[in-house]
Amino acid sequence: MDRAAQAPVACRRRIRGDDAVTPSIDCRTPRNLVESVAMTRMVKCSKLGETLPGLPYKPFNDALGQRIYDSVSAQAWSLWIEHSKKLVNEYRLDLTLKKSHEVLKEQCEAFLFGDGGTLPAEYVPEKH
């Protein structure tokens, strides 16, 4: 059957609890694997040394953000997010201050591209 001849099946949803329904997005079951899997951008991750899915966005609107977008995987970025939480908490960084953002960006660059970043000397891992 020709795809152009196939009529899309529209989903319907309730609005505000009344019986009125409005058409929503086309929610057909994908016809093939290419339709069902979004093409993921792959990068050679500088942190993990493997080719992995990249970030879907630039995390910062500057040269560092572009560098991260081009060469850091989503997996390495999630490792950085967890590491940055420790830094914010241990150093008691006030994220409303520009200086705190500068410190985090320096640590981010060191973590992703350099020596792996440093944890505060007073940091004690949580015991589970």
C-alpha atoms as a PDB file:
ATOM      1  CA  MET A   1       0.000   0.000   0.000  1.00  0.00           C
ATOM      2  CA  ASP A   2       1.300   3.449  -0.901  1.00  0.00           C
ATOM      3  CA  ARG A   3       2.162   5.637   2.128  1.00  0.00           C
ATOM      4  CA  ALA A   4       0.478   8.632   0.479  1.00  0.00           C
ATOM      5  CA  ALA A   5      -2.732   6.615   0.283  1.00  0.00           C
ATOM      6  CA  GLN A   6      -2.645   5.803   3.994  1.00  0.00           C
ATOM      7  CA  ALA A   7      -4.787   8.146   6.056  1.00  0.00           C
ATOM      8  CA  PRO A   8      -3.180   9.179   9.353  1.00  0.00           C
ATOM      9  CA  VAL A   9      -4.984   8.054  12.450  1.00  0.00           C
ATOM     10  CA  ALA A  10      -5.309  10.935  14.882  1.00  0.00           C
ATOM     11  CA  CYS A  11      -5.269  10.487  18.646  1.00  0.00           C
ATOM     12  CA  ARG A  12      -7.988  12.143  20.634  1.00  0.00           C
ATOM     13  CA  ARG A  13      -7.881  13.474  24.186  1.00  0.00           C
ATOM     14  CA  ARG A  14     -10.327  15.010  26.628  1.00  0.00           C
ATOM     15  CA  ILE A  15     -10.076  18.659  27.484  1.00  0.00           C
ATOM     16  CA  ARG A  16     -11.125  20.020  30.897  1.00  0.00           C
ATOM     17  CA  GLY A  17     -13.012  16.866  31.808  1.00  0.00           C
ATOM     18  CA  ASP A  18     -15.923  17.527  29.436  1.00  0.00           C
ATOM     19  CA  ASP A  19     -16.910  15.262  26.577  1.00  0.00           C
ATOM     20  CA  ALA A  20     -15.411  17.502  23.886  1.00  0.00           C
ATOM     21  CA  VAL A  21     -12.468  15.952  22.118  1.00  0.00           C
ATOM     22  CA  THR A  22      -9.936  17.600  19.884  1.00  0.00           C
ATOM     23  CA  PRO A  23      -7.577  16.028  17.390  1.00  0.00           C
ATOM     24  CA  SER A  24      -4.039  15.662  18.645  1.00  0.00           C
ATOM     25  CA  ILE A  25      -0.809  14.533  17.017  1.00  0.00           C
ATOM     26  CA  ASP A  26      -0.604  11.633  14.631  1.00  0.00           C
ATOM     27  CA  CYS A  27       0.045   8.598  16.852  1.00  0.00           C
ATOM     28  CA  ARG A  28       0.318   5.806  14.335  1.00  0.00           C
ATOM     29  CA  THR A  29       2.456   2.842  15.190  1.00  0.00           C
ATOM     30  CA  PRO A  30       5.790   3.233  13.384  1.00  0.00           C
ATOM     31  CA  ARG A  31       5.915   1.218  10.171  1.00  0.00           C
ATOM     32  CA  ASN A  32       9.627   0.426  10.299  1.00  0.00           C
ATOM     33  CA  LEU A  33      12.697   0.728  12.468  1.00  0.00           C
ATOM     34  CA  VAL A  34      13.843   3.963  10.844  1.00  0.00           C
ATOM     35  CA  GLU A  35      10.540   5.618  11.754  1.00  0.00           C
ATOM     36  CA  SER A  36      10.618   4.310  15.325  1.00  0.00           C
ATOM     37  CA  VAL A  37      14.198   5.219  16.239  1.00  0.00           C
ATOM     38  CA  ALA A  38      15.244   8.850  16.260  1.00  0.00           C
ATOM     39  CA  MET A  39      18.655   9.345  14.746  1.00  0.00           C
ATOM     40  CA  THR A  40      21.013   9.997  17.642  1.00  0.00           C
ATOM     41  CA  ARG A  41      24.061  12.171  17.108  1.00  0.00           C
ATOM     42  CA  MET A  42      27.180  10.193  17.990  1.00  0.00           C
ATOM     43  CA  VAL A  43      30.393  11.745  19.329  1.00  0.00           C
ATOM     44  CA  LYS A  44      33.862  10.454  20.186  1.00  0.00           C
ATOM     45  CA  CYS A  45      33.683  11.219  23.914  1.00  0.00           C
ATOM     46  CA  SER A  46      36.831  12.901  25.211  1.00  0.00           C
ATOM     47  CA  LYS A  47      35.996  11.878  28.793  1.00  0.00           C
ATOM     48  CA  LEU A  48      35.131   8.204  28.286  1.00  0.00           C
ATOM     49  CA  GLY A  49      37.148   7.527  25.124  1.00  0.00           C
ATOM     50  CA  GLU A  50      34.277   5.807  23.286  1.00  0.00           C
ATOM     51  CA  THR A  51      31.845   6.709  20.527  1.00  0.00           C
ATOM     52  CA  LEU A  52      28.574   7.358  22.347  1.00  0.00           C
ATOM     53  CA  PRO A  53      25.364   9.386  21.896  1.00  0.00           C
ATOM     54  CA  GLY A  54      26.035  13.109  22.214  1.00  0.00           C
ATOM     55  CA  LEU A  55      24.095  15.832  23.961  1.00  0.00           C
ATOM     56  CA  PRO A  56      20.979  17.097  22.182  1.00  0.00           C
ATOM     57  CA  TYR A  57      21.874  20.718  23.055  1.00  0.00           C
ATOM     58  CA  LYS A  58      24.812  22.995  23.867  1.00  0.00           C
ATOM     59  CA  PRO A  59      24.997  23.260  27.675  1.00  0.00           C
ATOM     60  CA  PHE A  60      26.541  26.764  27.597  1.00  0.00           C
ATOM     61  CA  ASN A  61      26.229  29.493  25.018  1.00  0.00           C
ATOM     62  CA  ASP A  62      29.975  29.995  24.555  1.00  0.00           C
ATOM     63  CA  ALA A  63      33.087  28.243  23.228  1.00  0.00           C
ATOM     64  CA  LEU A  64      33.114  25.739  26.121  1.00  0.00           C
ATOM     65  CA  GLY A  65      29.492  24.847  25.404  1.00  0.00           C
ATOM     66  CA  GLN A  66      30.332  24.208  21.751  1.00  0.00           C
ATOM     67  CA  ARG A  67      33.362  22.107  22.718  1.00  0.00           C
ATOM     68  CA  ILE A  68      31.222  20.028  25.085  1.00  0.00           C
ATOM     69  CA  TYR A  69      28.513  19.616  22.434  1.00  0.00           C
ATOM     70  CA  ASP A  70      31.075  18.473  19.862  1.00  0.00           C
ATOM     71  CA  SER A  71      33.085  16.036  21.982  1.00  0.00           C
ATOM     72  CA  VAL A  72      31.301  14.969  25.183  1.00  0.00           C
ATOM     73  CA  SER A  73      28.742  12.168  25.395  1.00  0.00           C
ATOM     74  CA  ALA A  74      25.436  12.401  27.215  1.00  0.00           C
ATOM     75  CA  GLN A  75      26.739   9.739  29.615  1.00  0.00           C
ATOM     76  CA  ALA A  76      29.836  11.799  30.496  1.00  0.00           C
ATOM     77  CA  TRP A  77      27.648  14.896  30.888  1.00  0.00           C
ATOM     78  CA  SER A  78      25.466  13.065  33.436  1.00  0.00           C
ATOM     79  CA  LEU A  79      28.660  12.143  35.346  1.00  0.00           C
ATOM     80  CA  TRP A  80      29.565  15.843  35.373  1.00  0.00           C
ATOM     81  CA  ILE A  81      26.096  16.791  36.679  1.00  0.00           C
ATOM     82  CA  GLU A  82      26.525  14.412  39.629  1.00  0.00           C
ATOM     83  CA  HIS A  83      30.053  15.720  40.291  1.00  0.00           C
ATOM     84  CA  SER A  84      28.867  19.336  40.101  1.00  0.00           C
ATOM     85  CA  LYS A  85      26.212  18.680  42.764  1.00  0.00           C
ATOM     86  CA  LYS A  86      28.972  17.635  45.150  1.00  0.00           C
ATOM     87  CA  LEU A  87      30.927  20.804  44.343  1.00  0.00           C
ATOM     88  CA  VAL A  88      27.930  23.079  44.854  1.00  0.00           C
ATOM     89  CA  ASN A  89      27.094  21.462  48.176  1.00  0.00           C
ATOM     90  CA  GLU A  90      30.615  21.123  49.593  1.00  0.00           C
ATOM     91  CA  TYR A  91      31.799  24.583  48.517  1.00  0.00           C
ATOM     92  CA  ARG A  92      28.363  26.039  49.342  1.00  0.00           C
ATOM     93  CA  LEU A  93      28.300  27.815  45.996  1.00  0.00           C
ATOM     94  CA  ASP A  94      25.624  30.489  45.569  1.00  0.00           C
ATOM     95  CA  LEU A  95      24.459  29.941  42.004  1.00  0.00           C
ATOM     96  CA  THR A  96      23.001  33.435  41.847  1.00  0.00           C
ATOM     97  CA  LEU A  97      26.560  34.807  41.797  1.00  0.00           C
ATOM     98  CA  LYS A  98      28.633  35.034  38.619  1.00  0.00           C
ATOM     99  CA  LYS A  99      31.785  33.927  40.490  1.00  0.00           C
ATOM    100  CA  SER A 100      30.104  30.622  41.396  1.00  0.00           C
ATOM    101  CA  HIS A 101      29.298  29.998  37.736  1.00  0.00           C
ATOM    102  CA  GLU A 102      32.910  30.732  36.808  1.00  0.00           C
ATOM    103  CA  VAL A 103      34.153  28.229  39.402  1.00  0.00           C
ATOM    104  CA  LEU A 104      31.746  25.575  38.093  1.00  0.00           C
ATOM    105  CA  LYS A 105      32.782  26.172  34.473  1.00  0.00           C
ATOM    106  CA  GLU A 106      36.474  25.847  35.395  1.00  0.00           C
ATOM    107  CA  GLN A 107      35.732  22.609  37.239  1.00  0.00           C
ATOM    108  CA  CYS A 108      33.554  21.414  34.340  1.00  0.00           C
ATOM    109  CA  GLU A 109      36.379  21.914  31.858  1.00  0.00           C
ATOM    110  CA  ALA A 110      38.851  20.135  34.171  1.00  0.00           C
ATOM    111  CA  PHE A 111      36.408  17.260  34.758  1.00  0.00           C
ATOM    112  CA  LEU A 112      35.536  16.676  31.100  1.00  0.00           C
ATOM    113  CA  PHE A 113      38.808  17.555  29.346  1.00  0.00           C
ATOM    114  CA  GLY A 114      41.558  17.640  31.965  1.00  0.00           C
ATOM    115  CA  ASP A 115      42.556  15.854  35.126  1.00  0.00           C
ATOM    116  CA  GLY A 116      39.029  14.850  36.099  1.00  0.00           C
ATOM    117  CA  GLY A 117      38.367  17.782  38.397  1.00  0.00           C
ATOM    118  CA  THR A 118      38.914  17.865  42.114  1.00  0.00           C
ATOM    119  CA  LEU A 119      36.596  17.147  44.980  1.00  0.00           C
ATOM    120  CA  PRO A 120      36.779  19.385  48.036  1.00  0.00           C
ATOM    121  CA  ALA A 121      39.265  18.139  50.630  1.00  0.00           C
ATOM    122  CA  GLU A 122      36.456  17.869  53.206  1.00  0.00           C
ATOM    123  CA  TYR A 123      34.232  15.712  50.977  1.00  0.00           C
ATOM    124  CA  VAL A 124      33.137  12.427  52.574  1.00  0.00           C
ATOM    125  CA  PRO A 125      31.213   9.998  50.342  1.00  0.00           C
ATOM    126  CA  GLU A 126      27.727   9.128  51.516  1.00  0.00           C
ATOM    127  CA  LYS A 127      27.407   5.695  53.154  1.00  0.00           C
ATOM    128  CA  HIS A 128      24.450   3.586  52.065  1.00  0.00           C
END
